[in-house]
Amino acid sequence: MIPLFKPASTGEEARAVARVMKTGWWAQGPETELFEDEFARYTGTRYAVAVNSGTMALKLAARATGLVDGLVVCPALTFISTALAMHQLGNRIVFADVHETDLTMNWYSAKEKLNHVENMTGPYGVVPVWYAGRVMTDVPDLPACTRVIEDCAHAAGSTYAGHVGRVAAWSFHAVKNLACGDGGMITTDDEHVAREVRRLRWVGIDKTTWDRDKDAKVGYGWDYDIKSLDGEKGHMNDLTAAIGRVQLKNLDAHNALRREVGRFYHEGLSKIAWLRLPQVRHTDSAHLYVVRVPAVHRPRFIQHMISNGVSAGVHYKPLTHYEDKYNVPLFGEQEHLPITEQVWQTLVTLPLYPTMKMRDIDKVIKTVRSFAL
């Protein structure tokens, strides 16, 4: 079976982990600091703070910017983490529609949602999701004090990612372009936000174990301070960071291979009348390759692909479709999202990863072309 995703490794990751293991320091420490410095330089931001997941990155980014007990606008066409992280901080979630062309959040829909909020006393924010790694920079003037937190889970290596909002949250999950098994990063140019995230990620302790150890003049620096009880156990460790540093070094090359797979798909599938293909730009990370098929045929199309040894999936079922055991929408009643509801029923994700062999690419193309409406 050709998988949808597969992390790319040169073998250097294993050597990097072995090197860190030999040092005896496996927790958050010097390797994490190096990864943070390198990621900040790569993204062109002043600060990068490593955490243990993309979900935690979203949560701590919101807390550090004061986006708590307020209102957050985000797309419904996303993974649960985007809205869940905001919901867990007491925010009311309001969903915006997406662009029909690239499936990213429609900024004007988000602005309309903010402008129609009534009796709002808390903070408000917007969390755009760079779907499949495409960044949209045409941001309208939003209401004053709107906090913008970019969900960059798909966007490692995308041009402009991390430069649209005040802060950005990144994911290094095993299927992401920069894959560490799990992990995340928060980037920002705001010193206050970076300082707050560093405190929050380590249960509110003012200095990490590594900082206390390296600064101690004799032995183990055991003393630290805790000023409040709002912290999380959310830091990265040096074993994960070692993998991340190698992945970061190879990120541009791997993304170029992703875009090349996309070009092969386009060449092989562009003449199929019933199939709509995505545009893969040179500025995109090409995290997903999502085609569109007639909604009525999608279940059969997915089954056709799988039965012929090619994985196929859907990214995503809108978050408005999930209900609790009492059949109540998880994020409350929402206004109808016409574009989201129209397009999600047509989406099918095809395999895409940097190490795909030409024979696998050809098999995907042939299997798609063999499907009969």
Protein backbone atom coordinates (compact mmCIF):
# COMPACT_ATOMS: atom_id res chain seq x y z
CA MET A 1 0.00 0.00 0.00
CA ILE A 2 1.36 3.41 -0.97
CA PRO A 3 0.87 5.56 2.16
CA LEU A 4 -0.54 9.07 2.23
CA PHE A 5 2.43 10.35 4.21
CA LYS A 6 5.87 9.08 5.09
CA PRO A 7 8.57 10.93 7.02
CA ALA A 8 11.78 11.43 5.09
CA SER A 9 15.00 10.45 6.87
CA THR A 10 18.57 10.38 5.65
CA GLY A 11 19.80 8.34 8.61
CA GLU A 12 21.43 11.44 10.03
CA GLU A 13 18.50 11.79 12.44
CA ALA A 14 19.43 8.50 14.13
CA ARG A 15 23.04 9.59 14.47
CA ALA A 16 21.96 12.93 15.94
CA VAL A 17 19.78 11.20 18.54
CA ALA A 18 22.62 8.81 19.40
CA ARG A 19 24.97 11.77 19.84
CA VAL A 20 22.58 13.44 22.29
CA MET A 21 22.00 10.19 24.18
CA LYS A 22 25.73 9.86 24.76
CA THR A 23 25.84 13.29 26.41
CA GLY A 24 23.55 12.12 29.21
CA TRP A 25 21.34 15.19 28.85
CA TRP A 26 18.08 14.07 27.25
CA ALA A 27 15.69 16.71 28.63
CA GLN A 28 15.24 20.26 27.37
CA GLY A 29 18.72 21.67 27.12
CA PRO A 30 21.46 22.81 24.73
CA GLU A 31 20.12 20.91 21.69
CA THR A 32 16.70 22.51 22.12
CA GLU A 33 18.31 25.94 22.34
CA LEU A 34 20.22 25.32 19.11
CA PHE A 35 17.05 24.14 17.36
CA GLU A 36 15.23 27.27 18.52
CA ASP A 37 18.01 29.55 17.29
CA GLU A 38 18.18 27.80 13.90
CA PHE A 39 14.42 27.81 13.43
CA ALA A 40 14.21 31.51 14.28
CA ARG A 41 16.87 32.28 11.67
CA TYR A 42 15.16 30.06 9.11
CA THR A 43 11.78 31.74 9.56
CA GLY A 44 13.23 35.23 9.88
CA THR A 45 11.74 35.85 13.31
CA ARG A 46 13.39 37.16 16.47
CA TYR A 47 12.28 34.38 18.77
CA ALA A 48 11.44 30.68 18.53
CA VAL A 49 10.30 28.64 21.52
CA ALA A 50 10.13 24.84 21.24
CA VAL A 51 7.23 22.89 22.73
CA ASN A 52 5.99 19.30 22.68
CA SER A 53 3.25 19.57 20.02
CA GLY A 54 1.57 21.89 17.55
CA THR A 55 -1.54 21.81 19.74
CA MET A 56 0.47 23.07 22.71
CA ALA A 57 2.04 25.73 20.49
CA LEU A 58 -1.43 27.08 19.65
CA LYS A 59 -2.53 26.98 23.26
CA LEU A 60 0.52 28.73 24.69
CA ALA A 61 0.56 31.30 21.88
CA ALA A 62 -3.00 32.24 22.77
CA ARG A 63 -2.32 32.35 26.50
CA ALA A 64 0.83 34.42 26.05
CA THR A 65 -1.05 37.00 23.97
CA GLY A 66 -3.91 37.19 26.46
CA LEU A 67 -6.41 35.42 24.22
CA VAL A 68 -8.31 33.82 27.09
CA ASP A 69 -12.06 33.88 27.86
CA GLY A 70 -12.75 35.76 24.65
CA LEU A 71 -13.77 34.96 21.09
CA VAL A 72 -11.73 33.28 18.36
CA VAL A 73 -12.54 33.09 14.64
CA CYS A 74 -11.00 30.25 12.66
CA PRO A 75 -11.96 28.04 9.70
CA ALA A 76 -13.99 24.88 10.25
CA LEU A 77 -12.00 23.09 7.53
CA THR A 78 -9.08 22.18 9.79
CA PHE A 79 -7.81 19.64 12.30
CA ILE A 80 -9.47 19.70 15.72
CA SER A 81 -6.40 21.23 17.42
CA THR A 82 -6.98 24.66 15.85
CA ALA A 83 -10.28 25.18 17.64
CA LEU A 84 -9.72 22.87 20.62
CA ALA A 85 -6.67 24.76 21.88
CA MET A 86 -8.63 28.01 21.81
CA HIS A 87 -11.74 26.44 23.36
CA GLN A 88 -9.76 25.01 26.28
CA LEU A 89 -8.76 28.57 27.21
CA GLY A 90 -12.40 29.55 27.60
CA ASN A 91 -12.78 31.19 24.21
CA ARG A 92 -15.99 31.04 22.20
CA ILE A 93 -15.26 29.61 18.75
CA VAL A 94 -16.82 31.16 15.65
CA PHE A 95 -16.12 29.59 12.28
CA ALA A 96 -15.31 31.56 9.13
CA ASP A 97 -15.73 30.29 5.59
CA VAL A 98 -12.85 29.39 3.28
CA HIS A 99 -11.79 30.46 -0.20
CA GLU A 100 -13.16 28.13 -2.83
CA THR A 101 -9.88 28.12 -4.73
CA ASP A 102 -7.20 27.36 -2.13
CA LEU A 103 -9.24 26.30 0.93
CA THR A 104 -7.53 28.76 3.28
CA MET A 105 -9.62 30.92 5.58
CA ASN A 106 -11.44 33.79 3.89
CA TRP A 107 -10.18 36.85 5.75
CA TYR A 108 -13.26 38.87 4.78
CA SER A 109 -15.52 36.19 6.18
CA ALA A 110 -13.49 36.34 9.40
CA LYS A 111 -13.77 40.12 9.52
CA GLU A 112 -17.54 39.91 9.02
CA LYS A 113 -17.82 37.46 11.91
CA LEU A 114 -15.88 39.83 14.18
CA ASN A 115 -17.95 42.84 13.13
CA HIS A 116 -21.18 41.06 14.01
CA VAL A 117 -20.16 40.04 17.52
CA GLU A 118 -22.56 41.46 20.08
CA ASN A 119 -21.95 42.16 23.76
CA MET A 120 -18.32 41.12 23.51
CA THR A 121 -16.29 42.16 26.54
CA GLY A 122 -13.28 39.84 26.39
CA PRO A 123 -10.38 39.68 23.92
CA TYR A 124 -10.86 38.45 20.37
CA GLY A 125 -8.58 36.83 17.87
CA VAL A 126 -8.30 35.18 14.49
CA VAL A 127 -6.47 31.92 13.77
CA PRO A 128 -5.90 31.42 10.03
CA VAL A 129 -4.88 27.94 8.92
CA TRP A 130 -2.42 27.69 6.04
CA TYR A 131 -4.18 24.74 4.43
CA ALA A 132 -1.77 22.45 2.54
CA GLY A 133 0.98 25.03 3.12
CA ARG A 134 -0.42 28.00 1.18
CA VAL A 135 -0.08 31.34 2.95
CA MET A 136 -2.51 34.18 2.16
CA THR A 137 -1.19 37.64 3.02
CA ASP A 138 -4.08 39.85 1.82
CA VAL A 139 -5.30 40.59 5.34
CA PRO A 140 -8.03 43.27 5.62
CA ASP A 141 -8.10 45.84 8.39
CA LEU A 142 -9.46 43.96 11.39
CA PRO A 143 -11.04 45.48 14.50
CA ALA A 144 -8.46 47.11 16.78
CA CYS A 145 -6.62 44.78 19.18
CA THR A 146 -7.47 41.63 17.21
CA ARG A 147 -4.88 39.00 18.03
CA VAL A 148 -3.80 37.02 14.96
CA ILE A 149 -2.20 33.63 15.63
CA GLU A 150 -1.10 31.72 12.53
CA ASP A 151 -1.69 27.98 12.47
CA CYS A 152 1.40 26.93 10.50
CA ALA A 153 0.98 23.19 11.03
CA HIS A 154 1.10 22.62 7.25
CA ALA A 155 3.44 25.47 6.43
CA ALA A 156 7.00 24.56 7.42
CA GLY A 157 9.00 26.01 4.55
CA SER A 158 6.18 28.11 3.08
CA THR A 159 7.15 31.62 2.05
CA TYR A 160 5.63 34.30 4.34
CA ALA A 161 4.56 31.78 7.01
CA GLY A 162 5.08 33.29 10.44
CA HIS A 163 4.94 36.89 9.20
CA VAL A 164 1.20 37.53 8.99
CA GLY A 165 0.23 37.46 12.67
CA ARG A 166 1.72 38.52 15.97
CA VAL A 167 2.68 34.93 16.69
CA ALA A 168 2.76 31.63 14.79
CA ALA A 169 2.33 28.02 15.93
CA TRP A 170 4.09 25.17 14.10
CA SER A 171 3.70 21.39 14.22
CA PHE A 172 6.45 18.79 13.87
CA HIS A 173 4.15 15.76 14.03
CA ALA A 174 5.35 12.61 12.24
CA VAL A 175 3.43 13.38 9.03
CA LYS A 176 4.46 17.03 8.76
CA ASN A 177 7.07 18.46 6.38
CA LEU A 178 9.48 18.90 9.30
CA ALA A 179 8.84 15.66 11.18
CA CYS A 180 10.10 14.94 14.70
CA GLY A 181 7.59 12.26 15.68
CA ASP A 182 5.90 15.06 17.56
CA GLY A 183 6.76 18.54 18.74
CA GLY A 184 6.05 22.14 17.89
CA MET A 185 7.40 25.66 17.86
CA ILE A 186 6.14 29.15 18.56
CA THR A 187 7.70 32.03 16.63
CA THR A 188 7.25 35.74 17.22
CA ASP A 189 9.01 39.09 17.08
CA ASP A 190 7.41 40.05 20.41
CA GLU A 191 9.82 39.70 23.34
CA HIS A 192 7.00 39.65 25.89
CA VAL A 193 5.23 36.78 24.11
CA ALA A 194 8.45 34.77 23.83
CA ARG A 195 9.24 35.28 27.51
CA GLU A 196 5.72 34.28 28.55
CA VAL A 197 5.75 31.13 26.41
CA ARG A 198 9.07 30.05 27.91
CA ARG A 199 7.60 30.41 31.40
CA LEU A 200 4.31 28.74 30.56
CA ARG A 201 5.77 25.71 28.76
CA TRP A 202 7.62 24.52 31.90
CA VAL A 203 4.74 24.54 34.44
CA GLY A 204 5.35 28.21 35.25
CA ILE A 205 8.93 27.73 36.49
CA ASP A 206 11.02 30.81 35.81
CA LYS A 207 14.20 28.96 34.78
CA THR A 208 14.57 25.60 33.02
CA THR A 209 16.56 22.75 34.55
CA TRP A 210 19.24 23.31 31.93
CA ASP A 211 19.45 27.03 32.66
CA ARG A 212 19.80 26.35 36.36
CA ASP A 213 22.39 23.63 35.81
CA LYS A 214 24.60 25.58 33.41
CA ASP A 215 24.39 28.74 35.54
CA ALA A 216 25.17 26.99 38.82
CA LYS A 217 28.68 27.69 40.05
CA VAL A 218 28.87 24.41 41.99
CA GLY A 219 26.79 21.32 41.27
CA TYR A 220 23.06 21.29 40.50
CA GLY A 221 21.15 24.58 40.54
CA TRP A 222 18.03 23.37 42.33
CA ASP A 223 16.28 26.63 43.26
CA TYR A 224 13.64 28.28 41.10
CA ASP A 225 10.56 30.46 41.41
CA ILE A 226 6.90 30.05 40.40
CA LYS A 227 4.75 33.16 40.27
CA SER A 228 1.41 31.70 39.09
CA LEU A 229 -0.41 28.42 38.46
CA ASP A 230 -1.17 28.86 34.76
CA GLY A 231 1.71 26.81 33.33
CA GLU A 232 1.65 23.65 31.23
CA LYS A 233 3.97 20.64 30.90
CA GLY A 234 4.68 21.57 27.32
CA HIS A 235 8.42 21.80 26.67
CA MET A 236 10.45 19.95 24.02
CA ASN A 237 13.35 17.64 24.87
CA ASP A 238 16.82 17.40 23.35
CA LEU A 239 16.20 14.05 21.64
CA THR A 240 13.30 15.54 19.70
CA ALA A 241 15.29 18.69 19.00
CA ALA A 242 18.16 16.64 17.57
CA ILE A 243 15.79 15.16 14.99
CA GLY A 244 14.34 18.60 14.32
CA ARG A 245 17.70 20.17 13.58
CA VAL A 246 18.46 17.56 10.91
CA GLN A 247 14.97 17.85 9.44
CA LEU A 248 15.29 21.63 9.31
CA LYS A 249 18.58 21.39 7.44
CA ASN A 250 16.88 19.27 4.77
CA LEU A 251 13.50 21.03 4.75
CA ASP A 252 13.94 23.10 1.59
CA ALA A 253 15.21 20.12 -0.39
CA HIS A 254 12.38 17.91 0.83
CA ASN A 255 9.78 20.56 0.01
CA ALA A 256 11.22 20.90 -3.48
CA LEU A 257 10.74 17.14 -3.92
CA ARG A 258 7.13 17.50 -2.72
CA ARG A 259 6.47 20.17 -5.33
CA GLU A 260 8.07 17.95 -7.96
CA VAL A 261 5.67 15.13 -7.09
CA GLY A 262 2.87 17.66 -7.48
CA ARG A 263 4.15 18.58 -10.95
CA PHE A 264 4.19 14.91 -11.99
CA TYR A 265 0.62 14.54 -10.76
CA HIS A 266 -0.43 17.60 -12.70
CA GLU A 267 1.14 16.31 -15.90
CA GLY A 268 -0.47 12.90 -15.52
CA LEU A 269 -3.92 13.94 -14.35
CA SER A 270 -4.66 17.34 -15.90
CA LYS A 271 -6.66 15.97 -18.83
CA ILE A 272 -9.27 14.17 -16.69
CA ALA A 273 -12.43 16.22 -17.13
CA TRP A 274 -14.14 15.21 -13.88
CA LEU A 275 -11.05 15.78 -11.69
CA ARG A 276 -9.98 19.15 -10.31
CA LEU A 277 -6.33 19.53 -9.34
CA PRO A 278 -4.70 21.92 -6.86
CA GLN A 279 -2.21 24.55 -7.91
CA VAL A 280 1.16 23.99 -6.26
CA ARG A 281 3.11 27.25 -6.15
CA HIS A 282 6.84 27.55 -5.61
CA THR A 283 6.07 29.47 -2.39
CA ASP A 284 4.00 26.59 -0.94
CA SER A 285 5.33 23.86 1.33
CA ALA A 286 3.13 21.37 -0.58
CA HIS A 287 2.13 19.56 2.59
CA LEU A 288 -0.97 18.01 0.99
CA TYR A 289 -2.01 17.17 -2.54
CA VAL A 290 -5.80 17.47 -2.47
CA VAL A 291 -7.86 16.79 -5.59
CA ARG A 292 -11.59 17.25 -6.02
CA VAL A 293 -13.98 14.67 -7.38
CA PRO A 294 -17.76 14.84 -7.81
CA ALA A 295 -19.22 14.48 -4.31
CA VAL A 296 -21.58 11.70 -5.30
CA HIS A 297 -18.65 9.58 -6.49
CA ARG A 298 -16.16 10.32 -3.69
CA PRO A 299 -16.82 7.25 -1.49
CA ARG A 300 -16.46 4.93 -4.47
CA PHE A 301 -13.36 6.79 -5.69
CA ILE A 302 -11.63 6.44 -2.30
CA GLN A 303 -12.52 2.75 -2.16
CA HIS A 304 -11.17 2.31 -5.70
CA MET A 305 -7.85 3.85 -4.72
CA ILE A 306 -7.48 1.80 -1.54
CA SER A 307 -8.49 -1.49 -3.17
CA ASN A 308 -5.75 -0.88 -5.75
CA GLY A 309 -3.04 -0.30 -3.16
CA VAL A 310 -3.09 3.51 -3.01
CA SER A 311 -4.03 5.33 0.19
CA ALA A 312 -6.59 8.11 -0.09
CA GLY A 313 -8.16 10.25 2.61
CA VAL A 314 -10.08 13.43 3.39
CA HIS A 315 -8.67 16.62 4.92
CA TYR A 316 -10.98 17.53 6.59
CA LYS A 317 -14.53 16.92 7.74
CA PRO A 318 -15.53 20.41 8.98
CA LEU A 319 -15.51 20.88 12.73
CA THR A 320 -19.16 21.96 12.54
CA HIS A 321 -20.04 18.29 11.88
CA TYR A 322 -18.92 16.95 15.26
CA GLU A 323 -21.48 16.54 18.04
CA ASP A 324 -21.43 15.33 21.62
CA LYS A 325 -23.38 12.35 22.94
CA TYR A 326 -26.48 14.54 23.21
CA ASN A 327 -26.22 15.52 19.51
CA VAL A 328 -25.19 19.04 20.42
CA PRO A 329 -22.51 20.61 18.16
CA LEU A 330 -19.17 20.56 19.99
CA PHE A 331 -18.57 24.25 19.28
CA GLY A 332 -22.17 25.39 19.56
CA GLU A 333 -24.58 26.41 16.83
CA GLN A 334 -22.84 28.11 13.93
CA GLU A 335 -23.92 30.07 10.88
CA HIS A 336 -23.97 28.17 7.60
CA LEU A 337 -20.62 28.10 5.76
CA PRO A 338 -21.64 27.69 2.11
CA ILE A 339 -18.19 27.26 0.53
CA THR A 340 -16.92 24.95 3.26
CA GLU A 341 -20.01 22.75 3.01
CA GLN A 342 -19.82 22.65 -0.75
CA VAL A 343 -16.15 21.83 -1.19
CA TRP A 344 -15.34 19.47 1.67
CA GLN A 345 -17.57 16.76 0.19
CA THR A 346 -15.38 16.72 -2.93
CA LEU A 347 -11.92 16.63 -1.34
CA VAL A 348 -9.61 13.64 -1.61
CA THR A 349 -5.98 13.65 -0.45
CA LEU A 350 -3.53 11.65 -2.57
CA PRO A 351 -0.13 10.32 -1.40
CA LEU A 352 2.61 12.92 -1.21
CA TYR A 353 6.00 12.64 0.50
CA PRO A 354 9.58 13.53 -0.50
CA THR A 355 10.87 9.98 -0.92
CA MET A 356 8.15 8.79 -3.32
CA LYS A 357 9.59 6.63 -6.06
CA MET A 358 8.65 7.28 -9.68
CA ARG A 359 6.99 3.87 -9.86
CA ASP A 360 4.73 4.87 -6.95
CA ILE A 361 3.88 8.22 -8.55
CA ASP A 362 3.02 6.40 -11.78
CA LYS A 363 0.86 3.92 -9.89
CA VAL A 364 -1.11 6.72 -8.22
CA ILE A 365 -1.67 8.39 -11.60
CA LYS A 366 -2.70 5.14 -13.32
CA THR A 367 -5.05 4.23 -10.49
CA VAL A 368 -6.79 7.61 -10.62
CA ARG A 369 -7.09 7.42 -14.41
CA SER A 370 -8.59 3.93 -14.23
CA PHE A 371 -11.54 5.12 -12.17
CA ALA A 372 -14.77 5.15 -14.16
CA LEU A 373 -17.62 7.49 -13.29
